[in-house]
Amino acid sequence: MNEKVRFIAKAGIIAAIYAAVTVLVAPLSYGSLQMRISEALTVLPYFTKASIPGLFIGCLLANFFGSPLGMLDVVLGSLSTLVAALWASKIKTKAFVPLPSIIVNALVVPYVLWQALGVPYLPSVLYVGLGQAIVTYVLGYPLLLYIDKNSSLKERILD
């Protein structure tokens, strides 16, 4: 298969999974205390560059169709996912791959919550950061380790 087509297909699949999971568990995905299960996928940039646009587009779609926080969330939330994915793609130590998602979202999402809902910024930094840490280290990091151990999975899907 053509490499460009393969790249676009992988990015599209990741985007679809991210958006679907986010919207399906919407009560957990949006609001002042959020644990967006789809953020477990933010470890995928460790394996494939296709996950970078995939995560960005998935977040964009999820925020556009599901977020009660408006266009600010669509724009800033999606851009924060893009920045975190780009940063994560540069990390070589597996244990640190979830950190960009935690840090970027803990700083950006509380601003959106403050603007949209009047939620105080500093407490939100802790809540959003904690939610991100739980999802990315309890779900995402084991996903990273599982994929890394399964060479056939890495070769067929992610490489």
Protein backbone atom coordinates (compact mmCIF):
# COMPACT_ATOMS: atom_id res chain seq x y z
CA MET A 1 0.00 0.00 0.00
CA ASN A 2 1.18 3.52 -0.77
CA GLU A 3 2.83 5.06 2.33
CA LYS A 4 0.77 8.27 2.12
CA VAL A 5 -2.46 6.30 1.94
CA ARG A 6 -1.35 4.12 4.86
CA PHE A 7 -0.45 7.21 6.91
CA ILE A 8 -3.83 8.86 6.22
CA ALA A 9 -5.70 5.62 6.98
CA LYS A 10 -3.91 5.20 10.32
CA ALA A 11 -4.52 8.83 11.25
CA GLY A 12 -8.19 8.45 10.32
CA ILE A 13 -8.64 5.30 12.39
CA ILE A 14 -6.99 6.93 15.42
CA ALA A 15 -9.14 10.05 14.97
CA ALA A 16 -12.31 7.97 14.76
CA ILE A 17 -11.46 5.95 17.86
CA TYR A 18 -10.54 9.06 19.85
CA ALA A 19 -13.70 10.94 18.86
CA ALA A 20 -16.02 7.96 19.36
CA VAL A 21 -14.67 7.07 22.80
CA THR A 22 -14.75 10.70 23.93
CA VAL A 23 -18.36 11.25 22.87
CA LEU A 24 -19.56 7.83 24.09
CA VAL A 25 -18.38 8.55 27.62
CA ALA A 26 -19.27 12.24 27.44
CA PRO A 27 -20.08 12.71 31.13
CA LEU A 28 -16.46 11.86 31.92
CA SER A 29 -14.99 13.69 28.92
CA TYR A 30 -16.14 17.25 29.54
CA GLY A 31 -16.43 19.54 32.51
CA SER A 32 -14.44 20.74 35.48
CA LEU A 33 -13.49 17.24 36.61
CA GLN A 34 -12.77 15.17 33.55
CA MET A 35 -11.20 11.85 32.83
CA ARG A 36 -11.20 11.59 29.07
CA ILE A 37 -10.66 7.86 28.46
CA SER A 38 -9.60 8.56 24.87
CA GLU A 39 -6.53 10.37 26.22
CA ALA A 40 -5.03 6.91 26.78
CA LEU A 41 -4.29 7.05 23.04
CA THR A 42 -1.89 9.95 23.57
CA VAL A 43 0.91 7.38 23.97
CA LEU A 44 0.62 6.44 20.28
CA PRO A 45 3.04 9.14 19.05
CA TYR A 46 5.77 6.98 20.61
CA PHE A 47 5.09 4.50 17.79
CA THR A 48 3.73 6.40 14.81
CA LYS A 49 3.70 9.94 13.49
CA ALA A 50 0.24 9.23 12.02
CA SER A 51 -1.16 9.46 15.53
CA ILE A 52 -0.29 13.17 15.69
CA PRO A 53 -2.89 14.33 13.14
CA GLY A 54 -5.13 11.47 14.25
CA LEU A 55 -5.26 12.65 17.86
CA PHE A 56 -5.67 16.28 16.79
CA ILE A 57 -8.54 15.57 14.39
CA GLY A 58 -10.16 13.14 16.83
CA CYS A 59 -10.09 15.77 19.57
CA LEU A 60 -11.33 18.43 17.18
CA LEU A 61 -14.30 16.27 16.18
CA ALA A 62 -15.07 15.21 19.74
CA ASN A 63 -14.99 18.79 20.97
CA PHE A 64 -16.98 20.11 18.03
CA PHE A 65 -19.75 17.53 18.34
CA GLY A 66 -19.75 16.87 22.07
CA SER A 67 -18.25 19.65 24.14
CA PRO A 68 -20.63 21.93 26.01
CA LEU A 69 -17.76 24.42 26.38
CA GLY A 70 -18.08 25.98 22.93
CA MET A 71 -15.64 26.98 20.23
CA LEU A 72 -12.93 27.89 22.71
CA ASP A 73 -12.73 24.20 23.64
CA VAL A 74 -12.81 23.17 19.99
CA VAL A 75 -9.86 25.43 19.20
CA LEU A 76 -7.73 25.42 22.37
CA GLY A 77 -8.54 21.87 23.46
CA SER A 78 -7.67 20.49 20.05
CA LEU A 79 -4.50 22.58 19.74
CA SER A 80 -3.38 21.39 23.17
CA THR A 81 -3.78 17.80 22.01
CA LEU A 82 -1.73 18.60 18.90
CA VAL A 83 1.06 20.23 20.93
CA ALA A 84 1.13 17.34 23.41
CA ALA A 85 1.22 14.77 20.58
CA LEU A 86 4.09 16.57 18.84
CA TRP A 87 5.99 16.74 22.12
CA ALA A 88 5.28 13.08 22.97
CA SER A 89 6.59 11.98 19.56
CA LYS A 90 10.02 13.34 20.55
CA ILE A 91 10.25 11.41 23.83
CA LYS A 92 12.35 8.23 23.79
CA THR A 93 11.84 7.09 27.39
CA LYS A 94 8.56 5.13 27.61
CA ALA A 95 7.76 6.19 31.16
CA PHE A 96 7.77 9.87 30.16
CA VAL A 97 5.55 9.60 27.06
CA PRO A 98 2.31 10.41 28.98
CA LEU A 99 3.76 13.59 30.52
CA PRO A 100 3.16 16.02 27.62
CA SER A 101 -0.55 15.25 27.63
CA ILE A 102 -0.74 15.74 31.38
CA ILE A 103 1.22 19.00 31.41
CA VAL A 104 -0.30 20.67 28.36
CA ASN A 105 -3.88 19.76 29.23
CA ALA A 106 -3.43 20.71 32.88
CA LEU A 107 -2.42 24.19 31.77
CA VAL A 108 -4.78 24.78 28.82
CA VAL A 109 -8.07 23.04 29.70
CA PRO A 110 -8.50 24.95 32.99
CA TYR A 111 -8.31 28.20 31.01
CA VAL A 112 -11.16 26.96 28.80
CA LEU A 113 -13.14 25.92 31.89
CA TRP A 114 -12.54 29.32 33.48
CA GLN A 115 -13.68 31.16 30.36
CA ALA A 116 -16.68 28.93 29.61
CA LEU A 117 -17.92 28.06 33.10
CA GLY A 118 -16.19 30.44 35.48
CA VAL A 119 -14.38 27.55 37.18
CA PRO A 120 -11.36 28.85 39.15
CA TYR A 121 -8.16 28.26 37.18
CA LEU A 122 -5.69 26.98 39.80
CA PRO A 123 -7.90 24.27 41.35
CA SER A 124 -8.76 23.15 37.82
CA VAL A 125 -5.09 22.75 37.00
CA LEU A 126 -4.90 20.16 39.77
CA TYR A 127 -8.15 18.41 38.83
CA VAL A 128 -7.46 18.26 35.11
CA GLY A 129 -3.85 17.24 35.69
CA LEU A 130 -4.92 14.50 38.08
CA GLY A 131 -7.55 13.21 35.64
CA GLN A 132 -5.00 13.21 32.82
CA ALA A 133 -2.41 11.46 34.97
CA ILE A 134 -4.89 8.74 35.93
CA VAL A 135 -6.00 8.09 32.36
CA THR A 136 -2.57 8.29 30.76
CA TYR A 137 -0.73 6.22 33.35
CA VAL A 138 -3.46 3.73 34.33
CA LEU A 139 -4.73 3.12 30.77
CA GLY A 140 -2.29 4.74 28.33
CA TYR A 141 1.01 3.55 29.74
CA PRO A 142 -0.09 -0.11 29.92
CA LEU A 143 -1.33 0.28 26.33
CA LEU A 144 2.12 1.55 25.35
CA LEU A 145 3.81 -1.41 27.06
CA TYR A 146 1.38 -3.89 25.50
CA ILE A 147 1.96 -2.54 22.00
CA ASP A 148 5.71 -2.42 22.57
CA LYS A 149 5.79 -6.11 23.61
CA ASN A 150 3.77 -7.26 20.60
CA SER A 151 6.04 -6.86 17.60
CA SER A 152 3.42 -8.14 15.14
CA LEU A 153 0.98 -5.52 16.38
CA LYS A 154 3.59 -2.79 16.02
CA GLU A 155 4.55 -3.93 12.52
CA ARG A 156 1.05 -4.40 11.14
CA ILE A 157 -0.72 -1.46 12.69
CA LEU A 158 1.65 1.19 13.93
CA ASP A 159 4.89 1.08 11.95
